[in-house]
N, C-alpha and C. Protein backbone atom coordinates (compact mmCIF):
# COMPACT_ATOMS: atom_id res chain seq x y z
N MET A 1 115.41 86.87 53.26
CA MET A 1 114.66 87.88 54.02
C MET A 1 114.92 89.25 53.43
N THR A 2 113.92 90.07 53.39
CA THR A 2 114.05 91.40 52.81
C THR A 2 114.36 92.42 53.89
N SER A 3 115.10 93.42 53.50
CA SER A 3 115.44 94.47 54.47
C SER A 3 114.26 95.43 54.61
N PRO A 4 114.17 96.15 55.75
CA PRO A 4 113.04 97.08 55.94
C PRO A 4 112.99 98.16 54.86
N ALA A 5 114.13 98.56 54.33
CA ALA A 5 114.16 99.60 53.31
C ALA A 5 113.56 99.13 52.00
N SER A 6 113.66 97.81 51.74
CA SER A 6 113.16 97.30 50.45
C SER A 6 111.71 96.83 50.54
N MET A 7 111.11 96.87 51.71
CA MET A 7 109.72 96.46 51.88
C MET A 7 108.78 97.49 51.29
N ASN A 8 107.64 97.01 50.82
CA ASN A 8 106.59 97.94 50.44
C ASN A 8 105.45 97.81 51.42
N SER A 9 104.41 98.57 51.25
CA SER A 9 103.33 98.59 52.23
C SER A 9 102.62 97.25 52.35
N ASP A 10 102.65 96.39 51.29
CA ASP A 10 101.98 95.10 51.37
C ASP A 10 102.76 94.11 52.23
N ASP A 11 104.06 94.33 52.42
CA ASP A 11 104.89 93.42 53.21
C ASP A 11 104.72 93.63 54.69
N LEU A 12 104.23 94.78 55.12
CA LEU A 12 104.11 95.09 56.56
C LEU A 12 102.78 94.56 57.09
N PRO A 13 102.81 94.00 58.28
CA PRO A 13 101.53 93.54 58.86
C PRO A 13 100.63 94.72 59.16
N ARG A 14 99.36 94.58 58.94
CA ARG A 14 98.42 95.66 59.14
C ARG A 14 98.28 96.01 60.61
N VAL A 15 98.44 95.08 61.52
CA VAL A 15 98.27 95.37 62.94
C VAL A 15 99.42 96.20 63.48
N ALA A 16 100.58 96.17 62.87
CA ALA A 16 101.72 96.91 63.39
C ALA A 16 101.62 98.40 63.07
N GLN A 17 100.93 98.75 62.03
CA GLN A 17 100.87 100.14 61.61
C GLN A 17 100.20 101.04 62.66
N PRO A 18 99.06 100.71 63.25
CA PRO A 18 98.48 101.60 64.26
C PRO A 18 99.33 101.66 65.53
N ALA A 19 100.04 100.58 65.85
CA ALA A 19 100.86 100.57 67.08
C ALA A 19 102.02 101.55 67.00
N LEU A 20 102.46 101.89 65.82
CA LEU A 20 103.58 102.81 65.69
C LEU A 20 103.13 104.28 65.67
N TYR A 21 101.85 104.52 65.79
CA TYR A 21 101.28 105.86 65.87
C TYR A 21 101.74 106.77 64.74
N GLY A 22 101.86 106.23 63.57
CA GLY A 22 102.19 107.04 62.41
C GLY A 22 103.66 107.38 62.24
N VAL A 23 104.54 106.83 63.10
CA VAL A 23 105.95 107.16 62.98
C VAL A 23 106.54 106.59 61.71
N ILE A 24 106.21 105.35 61.43
CA ILE A 24 106.71 104.74 60.17
C ILE A 24 105.56 104.77 59.18
N ASP A 25 105.77 105.46 58.12
CA ASP A 25 104.76 105.57 57.08
C ASP A 25 104.93 104.40 56.14
N ALA A 26 104.01 103.46 56.16
CA ALA A 26 104.13 102.25 55.35
C ALA A 26 104.13 102.56 53.87
N ALA A 27 103.46 103.62 53.48
CA ALA A 27 103.40 103.96 52.06
C ALA A 27 104.75 104.35 51.51
N THR A 28 105.58 104.97 52.32
CA THR A 28 106.90 105.39 51.84
C THR A 28 107.98 104.41 52.24
N ALA A 29 107.65 103.46 53.13
CA ALA A 29 108.55 102.41 53.57
C ALA A 29 109.90 102.96 54.02
N LYS A 30 109.90 103.86 54.98
CA LYS A 30 111.16 104.41 55.52
C LYS A 30 111.83 103.37 56.40
N SER A 31 113.15 103.35 56.35
CA SER A 31 113.87 102.43 57.21
C SER A 31 113.82 102.91 58.63
N ALA A 32 114.02 102.02 59.58
CA ALA A 32 113.94 102.36 61.00
C ALA A 32 115.02 103.40 61.35
N GLY A 33 116.19 103.32 60.74
CA GLY A 33 117.26 104.29 61.02
C GLY A 33 116.89 105.69 60.60
N VAL A 34 116.24 105.82 59.46
CA VAL A 34 115.82 107.13 58.98
C VAL A 34 114.75 107.71 59.88
N VAL A 35 113.80 106.89 60.29
CA VAL A 35 112.74 107.34 61.16
C VAL A 35 113.31 107.76 62.51
N PHE A 36 114.24 106.98 63.08
CA PHE A 36 114.86 107.33 64.35
C PHE A 36 115.59 108.65 64.24
N ALA A 37 116.33 108.86 63.17
CA ALA A 37 117.06 110.12 62.98
C ALA A 37 116.09 111.30 62.90
N GLN A 38 114.97 111.11 62.24
CA GLN A 38 113.98 112.18 62.13
C GLN A 38 113.33 112.48 63.47
N CYS A 39 113.11 111.46 64.27
CA CYS A 39 112.47 111.64 65.56
C CYS A 39 113.41 112.33 66.56
N THR A 40 114.70 112.06 66.48
CA THR A 40 115.64 112.62 67.44
C THR A 40 116.30 113.90 66.96
N ARG A 41 116.11 114.26 65.71
CA ARG A 41 116.77 115.43 65.16
C ARG A 41 116.40 116.72 65.90
N GLY A 42 115.17 116.85 66.34
CA GLY A 42 114.71 118.06 66.98
C GLY A 42 115.14 118.23 68.43
N SER A 43 115.81 117.22 69.02
CA SER A 43 116.18 117.34 70.42
C SER A 43 117.26 118.40 70.57
N PRO A 44 117.06 119.36 71.49
CA PRO A 44 118.00 120.47 71.64
C PRO A 44 119.32 120.01 72.25
N ARG A 45 120.38 120.63 71.81
CA ARG A 45 121.70 120.36 72.37
C ARG A 45 122.27 121.70 72.82
N GLY A 46 122.93 121.68 73.93
CA GLY A 46 123.50 122.91 74.44
C GLY A 46 122.49 123.69 75.25
N LEU A 47 122.86 124.92 75.57
CA LEU A 47 121.97 125.78 76.37
C LEU A 47 120.88 126.38 75.49
N PRO A 48 119.69 126.56 76.05
CA PRO A 48 118.68 127.29 75.32
C PRO A 48 119.19 128.72 75.04
N PRO A 49 118.78 129.33 73.95
CA PRO A 49 119.30 130.66 73.60
C PRO A 49 119.13 131.72 74.69
N ARG A 50 118.01 131.71 75.38
CA ARG A 50 117.80 132.71 76.43
C ARG A 50 118.76 132.51 77.61
N ALA A 51 118.96 131.26 78.00
CA ALA A 51 119.87 130.96 79.11
C ALA A 51 121.30 131.35 78.71
N LEU A 52 121.69 131.04 77.48
CA LEU A 52 123.01 131.40 76.99
C LEU A 52 123.20 132.92 77.01
N GLN A 53 122.17 133.63 76.59
CA GLN A 53 122.25 135.10 76.59
C GLN A 53 122.37 135.65 78.01
N ARG A 54 121.62 135.08 78.95
CA ARG A 54 121.71 135.53 80.34
C ARG A 54 123.10 135.30 80.90
N VAL A 55 123.72 134.15 80.58
CA VAL A 55 125.07 133.84 81.05
C VAL A 55 126.07 134.81 80.43
N ARG A 56 125.98 135.06 79.15
CA ARG A 56 126.90 136.01 78.49
C ARG A 56 126.78 137.41 79.11
N GLU A 57 125.54 137.84 79.34
CA GLU A 57 125.34 139.17 79.92
C GLU A 57 125.89 139.24 81.34
N TYR A 58 125.69 138.16 82.10
CA TYR A 58 126.23 138.14 83.47
C TYR A 58 127.76 138.24 83.44
N ILE A 59 128.38 137.46 82.56
CA ILE A 59 129.85 137.50 82.47
C ILE A 59 130.31 138.90 82.09
N ALA A 60 129.69 139.52 81.11
CA ALA A 60 130.10 140.85 80.66
C ALA A 60 129.93 141.87 81.78
N ALA A 61 128.89 141.75 82.58
CA ALA A 61 128.63 142.72 83.64
C ALA A 61 129.52 142.52 84.87
N HIS A 62 130.01 141.30 85.07
CA HIS A 62 130.78 140.98 86.28
C HIS A 62 132.18 140.50 85.96
N LEU A 63 132.72 140.89 84.84
CA LEU A 63 134.00 140.37 84.37
C LEU A 63 135.13 140.62 85.36
N GLU A 64 135.12 141.75 86.05
CA GLU A 64 136.21 142.08 86.97
C GLU A 64 136.12 141.30 88.28
N ASN A 65 135.01 140.63 88.54
CA ASN A 65 134.83 139.84 89.76
C ASN A 65 135.24 138.39 89.55
N ASN A 66 135.34 137.67 90.65
CA ASN A 66 135.57 136.24 90.59
C ASN A 66 134.23 135.58 90.26
N ILE A 67 134.15 134.90 89.13
CA ILE A 67 132.90 134.28 88.66
C ILE A 67 133.09 132.77 88.74
N SER A 68 132.29 132.13 89.57
CA SER A 68 132.40 130.69 89.75
C SER A 68 131.44 129.94 88.82
N LEU A 69 131.75 128.69 88.62
CA LEU A 69 130.89 127.82 87.82
C LEU A 69 129.51 127.69 88.46
N GLU A 70 129.47 127.66 89.80
CA GLU A 70 128.22 127.56 90.52
C GLU A 70 127.30 128.74 90.20
N VAL A 71 127.90 129.92 90.17
CA VAL A 71 127.11 131.15 89.89
C VAL A 71 126.55 131.11 88.47
N LEU A 72 127.41 130.74 87.51
CA LEU A 72 126.96 130.70 86.11
C LEU A 72 125.88 129.63 85.92
N ALA A 73 126.05 128.48 86.59
CA ALA A 73 125.02 127.43 86.50
C ALA A 73 123.72 127.95 87.09
N GLY A 74 123.79 128.73 88.17
CA GLY A 74 122.58 129.30 88.76
C GLY A 74 121.91 130.27 87.84
N VAL A 75 122.70 131.08 87.13
CA VAL A 75 122.13 132.03 86.16
C VAL A 75 121.39 131.28 85.06
N ALA A 76 121.93 130.15 84.63
CA ALA A 76 121.31 129.34 83.60
C ALA A 76 120.18 128.46 84.14
N GLY A 77 120.14 128.26 85.47
CA GLY A 77 119.12 127.42 86.06
C GLY A 77 119.41 125.94 85.94
N LEU A 78 120.69 125.56 85.95
CA LEU A 78 121.08 124.17 85.78
C LEU A 78 122.06 123.76 86.86
N SER A 79 122.31 122.46 86.98
CA SER A 79 123.36 121.97 87.87
C SER A 79 124.71 122.31 87.24
N LYS A 80 125.76 122.27 88.07
CA LYS A 80 127.11 122.61 87.55
C LYS A 80 127.53 121.72 86.41
N SER A 81 127.36 120.41 86.57
CA SER A 81 127.84 119.49 85.53
C SER A 81 127.02 119.62 84.25
N HIS A 82 125.70 119.73 84.39
CA HIS A 82 124.85 119.88 83.20
C HIS A 82 125.17 121.22 82.49
N PHE A 83 125.36 122.28 83.29
CA PHE A 83 125.67 123.58 82.70
C PHE A 83 126.99 123.54 81.93
N ALA A 84 128.03 122.98 82.55
CA ALA A 84 129.35 122.94 81.90
C ALA A 84 129.29 122.19 80.57
N ARG A 85 128.57 121.08 80.57
CA ARG A 85 128.43 120.28 79.33
C ARG A 85 127.63 121.05 78.27
N ALA A 86 126.51 121.63 78.70
CA ALA A 86 125.64 122.34 77.74
C ALA A 86 126.33 123.62 77.22
N PHE A 87 127.06 124.30 78.09
CA PHE A 87 127.75 125.52 77.67
C PHE A 87 128.82 125.19 76.63
N LYS A 88 129.56 124.11 76.86
CA LYS A 88 130.60 123.73 75.88
C LYS A 88 129.98 123.33 74.55
N GLN A 89 128.81 122.70 74.59
CA GLN A 89 128.15 122.35 73.32
C GLN A 89 127.68 123.61 72.59
N SER A 90 127.26 124.60 73.35
CA SER A 90 126.76 125.83 72.75
C SER A 90 127.87 126.73 72.23
N GLN A 91 128.95 126.88 72.99
CA GLN A 91 130.01 127.83 72.67
C GLN A 91 131.25 127.20 72.04
N GLY A 92 131.41 125.91 72.20
CA GLY A 92 132.58 125.25 71.65
C GLY A 92 133.80 125.28 72.57
N VAL A 93 133.68 125.96 73.70
CA VAL A 93 134.73 125.98 74.72
C VAL A 93 134.09 125.86 76.10
N ALA A 94 134.90 125.45 77.06
CA ALA A 94 134.42 125.33 78.42
C ALA A 94 134.14 126.71 79.01
N PRO A 95 133.29 126.81 80.04
CA PRO A 95 132.97 128.11 80.61
C PRO A 95 134.20 128.90 81.06
N HIS A 96 135.17 128.23 81.69
CA HIS A 96 136.36 128.94 82.15
C HIS A 96 137.15 129.54 80.98
N GLU A 97 137.26 128.77 79.89
CA GLU A 97 138.01 129.24 78.73
C GLU A 97 137.27 130.43 78.10
N TYR A 98 135.94 130.38 78.05
CA TYR A 98 135.16 131.49 77.53
C TYR A 98 135.38 132.74 78.38
N LEU A 99 135.39 132.55 79.70
CA LEU A 99 135.63 133.66 80.61
C LEU A 99 137.01 134.28 80.37
N MET A 100 138.03 133.45 80.15
CA MET A 100 139.37 133.96 79.86
C MET A 100 139.39 134.73 78.54
N GLN A 101 138.67 134.23 77.54
CA GLN A 101 138.61 134.94 76.25
C GLN A 101 137.98 136.32 76.43
N CYS A 102 136.92 136.38 77.21
CA CYS A 102 136.26 137.68 77.47
C CYS A 102 137.20 138.63 78.21
N ARG A 103 137.92 138.13 79.18
CA ARG A 103 138.85 138.96 79.93
C ARG A 103 139.99 139.47 79.07
N VAL A 104 140.49 138.63 78.20
CA VAL A 104 141.57 139.05 77.28
C VAL A 104 141.03 140.11 76.32
N ARG A 105 139.81 139.93 75.82
CA ARG A 105 139.22 140.95 74.92
C ARG A 105 139.07 142.29 75.65
N ARG A 106 138.62 142.23 76.90
CA ARG A 106 138.50 143.47 77.69
C ARG A 106 139.86 144.12 77.86
N ALA A 107 140.89 143.33 78.15
CA ALA A 107 142.24 143.87 78.31
C ALA A 107 142.71 144.49 76.98
N GLN A 108 142.42 143.86 75.86
CA GLN A 108 142.79 144.44 74.56
C GLN A 108 142.14 145.79 74.35
N GLU A 109 140.85 145.91 74.70
CA GLU A 109 140.14 147.18 74.54
C GLU A 109 140.77 148.28 75.39
N VAL A 110 141.09 147.95 76.63
CA VAL A 110 141.67 148.93 77.54
C VAL A 110 143.09 149.30 77.09
N LEU A 111 143.85 148.30 76.67
CA LEU A 111 145.22 148.58 76.16
C LEU A 111 145.17 149.53 74.96
N ALA A 112 144.21 149.32 74.09
CA ALA A 112 144.13 150.14 72.88
C ALA A 112 143.69 151.56 73.18
N GLY A 113 142.93 151.75 74.26
CA GLY A 113 142.34 153.06 74.47
C GLY A 113 142.95 153.90 75.58
N THR A 114 143.85 153.33 76.36
CA THR A 114 144.39 154.09 77.49
C THR A 114 145.90 153.85 77.65
N ASP A 115 146.50 154.63 78.52
CA ASP A 115 147.91 154.43 78.91
C ASP A 115 147.98 153.88 80.31
N MET A 116 146.92 153.27 80.77
CA MET A 116 146.82 152.72 82.10
C MET A 116 147.90 151.66 82.33
N PRO A 117 148.47 151.58 83.52
CA PRO A 117 149.48 150.55 83.80
C PRO A 117 148.88 149.13 83.71
N LEU A 118 149.72 148.16 83.37
CA LEU A 118 149.25 146.79 83.18
C LEU A 118 148.64 146.21 84.46
N SER A 119 149.17 146.58 85.61
CA SER A 119 148.60 146.07 86.86
C SER A 119 147.16 146.52 87.04
N LYS A 120 146.86 147.75 86.66
CA LYS A 120 145.50 148.28 86.75
C LYS A 120 144.59 147.60 85.71
N ILE A 121 145.11 147.39 84.51
CA ILE A 121 144.34 146.71 83.45
C ILE A 121 144.01 145.29 83.88
N ALA A 122 144.98 144.63 84.50
CA ALA A 122 144.74 143.26 84.99
C ALA A 122 143.59 143.25 85.97
N CYS A 123 143.57 144.23 86.86
CA CYS A 123 142.53 144.30 87.91
C CYS A 123 141.16 144.54 87.28
N ILE A 124 141.04 145.48 86.37
CA ILE A 124 139.71 145.79 85.82
C ILE A 124 139.26 144.76 84.77
N SER A 125 140.19 143.92 84.32
CA SER A 125 139.82 142.86 83.37
C SER A 125 139.46 141.57 84.08
N GLY A 126 139.69 141.52 85.39
CA GLY A 126 139.33 140.34 86.15
C GLY A 126 140.44 139.35 86.41
N PHE A 127 141.65 139.68 86.04
CA PHE A 127 142.78 138.81 86.32
C PHE A 127 143.29 139.03 87.73
N SER A 128 143.87 138.02 88.31
CA SER A 128 144.32 138.14 89.71
C SER A 128 145.49 139.07 89.87
N ASP A 129 146.35 139.13 88.87
CA ASP A 129 147.49 140.06 88.92
C ASP A 129 148.08 140.24 87.52
N GLN A 130 149.11 141.05 87.41
CA GLN A 130 149.67 141.37 86.10
C GLN A 130 150.30 140.15 85.43
N SER A 131 150.92 139.27 86.20
CA SER A 131 151.54 138.10 85.57
C SER A 131 150.48 137.15 85.01
N HIS A 132 149.33 137.07 85.69
CA HIS A 132 148.25 136.24 85.19
C HIS A 132 147.71 136.82 83.87
N LEU A 133 147.56 138.15 83.83
CA LEU A 133 147.13 138.82 82.59
C LEU A 133 148.14 138.54 81.48
N THR A 134 149.42 138.70 81.77
CA THR A 134 150.45 138.53 80.75
C THR A 134 150.45 137.11 80.19
N ARG A 135 150.36 136.13 81.09
CA ARG A 135 150.39 134.72 80.70
C ARG A 135 149.18 134.39 79.79
N ARG A 136 147.99 134.75 80.24
CA ARG A 136 146.78 134.46 79.47
C ARG A 136 146.73 135.27 78.18
N PHE A 137 147.15 136.50 78.22
CA PHE A 137 147.15 137.36 77.04
C PHE A 137 148.07 136.76 75.96
N ARG A 138 149.25 136.33 76.37
CA ARG A 138 150.20 135.72 75.43
C ARG A 138 149.63 134.45 74.84
N ASP A 139 148.97 133.65 75.68
CA ASP A 139 148.35 132.39 75.19
C ASP A 139 147.29 132.67 74.12
N HIS A 140 146.49 133.72 74.31
CA HIS A 140 145.38 133.99 73.40
C HIS A 140 145.76 134.84 72.20
N VAL A 141 146.62 135.84 72.42
CA VAL A 141 146.92 136.82 71.37
C VAL A 141 148.24 136.51 70.65
N GLY A 142 149.16 135.90 71.39
CA GLY A 142 150.44 135.54 70.78
C GLY A 142 151.58 136.49 71.13
N VAL A 143 151.27 137.62 71.76
CA VAL A 143 152.27 138.59 72.20
C VAL A 143 151.89 139.04 73.62
N THR A 144 152.84 139.67 74.29
CA THR A 144 152.56 140.19 75.63
C THR A 144 151.70 141.46 75.52
N PRO A 145 151.05 141.84 76.60
CA PRO A 145 150.24 143.07 76.58
C PRO A 145 151.06 144.31 76.18
N SER A 146 152.28 144.41 76.66
CA SER A 146 153.13 145.57 76.32
C SER A 146 153.41 145.62 74.83
N ARG A 147 153.75 144.50 74.26
CA ARG A 147 154.03 144.47 72.82
C ARG A 147 152.78 144.74 72.02
N TYR A 148 151.64 144.23 72.50
CA TYR A 148 150.38 144.51 71.82
C TYR A 148 150.10 146.00 71.82
N ARG A 149 150.26 146.63 72.97
CA ARG A 149 150.02 148.07 73.06
C ARG A 149 150.97 148.84 72.11
N ASP A 150 152.23 148.45 72.07
CA ASP A 150 153.19 149.10 71.19
C ASP A 150 152.82 148.92 69.72
N SER A 151 152.31 147.73 69.38
CA SER A 151 152.01 147.42 67.98
C SER A 151 150.80 148.18 67.44
N ILE A 152 149.87 148.55 68.30
CA ILE A 152 148.68 149.24 67.82
C ILE A 152 148.83 150.75 67.81
N ARG A 153 149.95 151.25 68.27
CA ARG A 153 150.16 152.70 68.28
C ARG A 153 150.95 153.16 67.09
C-alpha cells in the first residue's frame, strides 16, 4: 500500500476530490498532516490584541486598587477561566503574576524618583502593606526596596 504522501493525482479517486472542497490539492499530493496543519495554523491563540490592550490599560489605570480576575475578564469580555488561559497564552504569565510585575515596576519608578516612605509607596503601588511590597519586590528584583533605592542613588 502506498502512503498518501507518495500518491500522485492518478492514484486518488476522482469522486473524493470535490468532496474535500479543494482542501487537498491532488496535483501537489499533500499529506493529510500537512493539510491539517495548514488549516489550523490560522486559529488564534491567546487574547485578541485589542482585548489585551484594554486589559493592560485597565491595570495601569487602576494599579493602586484591588483588581480581581472577574473584573479583568469583564474588561476582555470573557469568562474567568477562558480569560485566565488566554491571558497566559498572550503574556506568558498568569494575570496575577502580570499584575505583581506591574506593581513592582511602579514601586521601582517611585523609589527612583522620590524619598517617599516605603509604606506610602506600597499603598500607591497597590500592595496591601509594606511587608507585602518588600516580599514581592525581593522576589522580582532580587533586593529589598530600601537596598534598591540606595543602589540607584
